[in-house]
Amino acid sequence: MLLFFYLSAGLLHAADWQLRPGDQPFSADELQALPGQSLLFFDDGESFYGAGGAYAYTYGIENGSGTAWGTYRIAQDGSICVDFINGTMRCDLLVRSAGRVVVITETGDRFPVR
């Protein structure tokens, strides 16, 4: 079980990643190769990891087509934490599972990538 700790507004926070059998978290090399890559989801949403930690999530047409901008960083446990310009923050874990990439949120939601 992986635990992730970070300080946010002076509070200690822990995420308990809900991995399933067969989930393989991205390696350090895969995480370092993120800049310039995007992940396209089945709802047509798209996460883009830019150079220098730039991040953008563009919603699919059915979800409003807006873009949420922010910056990302890779935490020690291999999760990817995004600070959005609207002041919110989230961390996700990228895994390979059953032949595809899956994004796991801190709450355990799973979003397969096309």
Protein backbone atom coordinates (compact mmCIF):
# COMPACT_ATOMS: atom_id res chain seq x y z
CA MET A 1 0.00 0.00 0.00
CA LEU A 2 1.46 3.35 -1.00
CA LEU A 3 1.06 6.39 1.19
CA PHE A 4 1.58 9.91 0.01
CA PHE A 5 2.19 12.79 2.39
CA TYR A 6 2.28 16.45 1.52
CA LEU A 7 1.98 19.73 3.32
CA SER A 8 -0.83 21.95 2.19
CA ALA A 9 -1.71 25.09 4.11
CA GLY A 10 0.24 23.63 7.02
CA LEU A 11 -1.81 20.43 7.24
CA LEU A 12 -0.50 16.92 6.77
CA HIS A 13 -2.50 14.90 4.26
CA ALA A 14 -2.27 11.21 3.41
CA ALA A 15 -3.57 9.36 0.35
CA ASP A 16 -4.09 5.62 0.50
CA TRP A 17 -3.80 4.45 -3.11
CA GLN A 18 -6.39 1.78 -3.80
CA LEU A 19 -4.38 -0.50 -6.06
CA ARG A 20 -5.84 -3.65 -7.57
CA PRO A 21 -4.02 -6.86 -8.38
CA GLY A 22 -2.06 -6.30 -11.57
CA ASP A 23 -1.75 -2.51 -11.16
CA GLN A 24 1.81 -1.41 -11.94
CA PRO A 25 2.55 2.22 -11.02
CA PHE A 26 4.53 4.19 -13.60
CA SER A 27 8.28 3.92 -13.19
CA ALA A 28 10.48 6.93 -12.47
CA ASP A 29 11.60 6.89 -16.13
CA GLU A 30 7.99 6.91 -17.37
CA LEU A 31 7.15 9.81 -15.08
CA GLN A 32 10.19 11.78 -16.23
CA ALA A 33 9.03 11.28 -19.83
CA LEU A 34 5.63 12.98 -19.18
CA PRO A 35 6.51 16.48 -20.47
CA GLY A 36 4.95 16.91 -23.92
CA GLN A 37 2.55 13.99 -23.48
CA SER A 38 -1.21 13.96 -23.15
CA LEU A 39 -3.71 11.38 -21.92
CA LEU A 40 -7.05 11.13 -23.75
CA PHE A 41 -9.94 9.70 -21.73
CA PHE A 42 -13.10 7.94 -22.90
CA ASP A 43 -15.24 11.03 -22.16
CA ASP A 44 -12.95 12.98 -24.55
CA GLY A 45 -11.28 14.82 -21.67
CA GLU A 46 -7.54 15.31 -22.10
CA SER A 47 -4.73 15.83 -19.59
CA PHE A 48 -1.66 17.57 -21.01
CA TYR A 49 1.69 17.54 -19.20
CA GLY A 50 3.85 20.37 -20.50
CA ALA A 51 7.44 21.36 -20.12
CA GLY A 52 8.48 22.96 -16.84
CA GLY A 53 5.51 21.48 -14.97
CA ALA A 54 2.74 23.16 -16.99
CA TYR A 55 -0.57 21.27 -16.87
CA ALA A 56 -3.91 21.58 -18.64
CA TYR A 57 -7.05 19.47 -18.47
CA THR A 58 -9.51 20.08 -21.30
CA TYR A 59 -13.01 18.73 -20.83
CA GLY A 60 -14.78 16.91 -23.65
CA ILE A 61 -17.64 18.60 -25.52
CA GLU A 62 -20.26 16.79 -23.42
CA ASN A 63 -18.65 18.22 -20.27
CA GLY A 64 -18.37 21.83 -21.40
CA SER A 65 -15.09 21.90 -23.35
CA GLY A 66 -13.41 24.26 -20.85
CA THR A 67 -9.78 24.00 -19.82
CA ALA A 68 -8.46 23.89 -16.26
CA TRP A 69 -4.87 25.21 -16.06
CA GLY A 70 -2.26 24.50 -13.44
CA THR A 71 1.18 23.15 -12.67
CA TYR A 72 2.15 19.59 -11.82
CA ARG A 73 4.90 17.94 -9.86
CA ILE A 74 5.86 14.34 -9.24
CA ALA A 75 5.68 13.33 -5.58
CA GLN A 76 8.12 10.94 -3.91
CA ASP A 77 5.61 8.08 -4.11
CA GLY A 78 5.25 8.52 -7.89
CA SER A 79 1.89 10.27 -7.80
CA ILE A 80 1.34 13.38 -9.87
CA CYS A 81 0.05 16.40 -7.96
CA VAL A 82 -1.55 19.32 -9.76
CA ASP A 83 -2.06 22.81 -8.34
CA PHE A 84 -4.78 24.47 -10.39
CA ILE A 85 -4.88 28.23 -10.88
CA ASN A 86 -8.31 28.31 -9.23
CA GLY A 87 -6.66 27.26 -5.94
CA THR A 88 -7.66 23.59 -5.91
CA MET A 89 -5.18 20.73 -5.80
CA ARG A 90 -5.30 17.02 -6.58
CA CYS A 91 -2.98 14.05 -6.78
CA ASP A 92 -3.37 11.06 -9.07
CA LEU A 93 -1.46 7.85 -9.58
CA LEU A 94 -0.77 6.56 -13.10
CA VAL A 95 -0.70 2.78 -13.41
CA ARG A 96 -0.61 0.17 -16.12
CA SER A 97 -3.39 -2.34 -15.66
CA ALA A 98 -4.67 -5.06 -17.99
CA GLY A 99 -2.79 -3.58 -20.95
CA ARG A 100 -3.89 0.03 -20.54
CA VAL A 101 -3.01 3.16 -18.60
CA VAL A 102 -5.37 4.02 -15.75
CA VAL A 103 -5.47 7.19 -13.66
CA ILE A 104 -6.35 6.51 -10.02
CA THR A 105 -7.53 9.45 -7.90
CA GLU A 106 -6.94 9.85 -4.18
CA THR A 107 -10.55 8.81 -3.58
CA GLY A 108 -10.05 5.58 -5.54
CA ASP A 109 -11.84 6.55 -8.74
CA ARG A 110 -10.31 4.92 -11.81
CA PHE A 111 -10.21 6.55 -15.23
CA PRO A 112 -8.90 4.41 -18.09
CA VAL A 113 -6.99 6.13 -20.87
CA ARG A 114 -7.77 5.38 -24.51
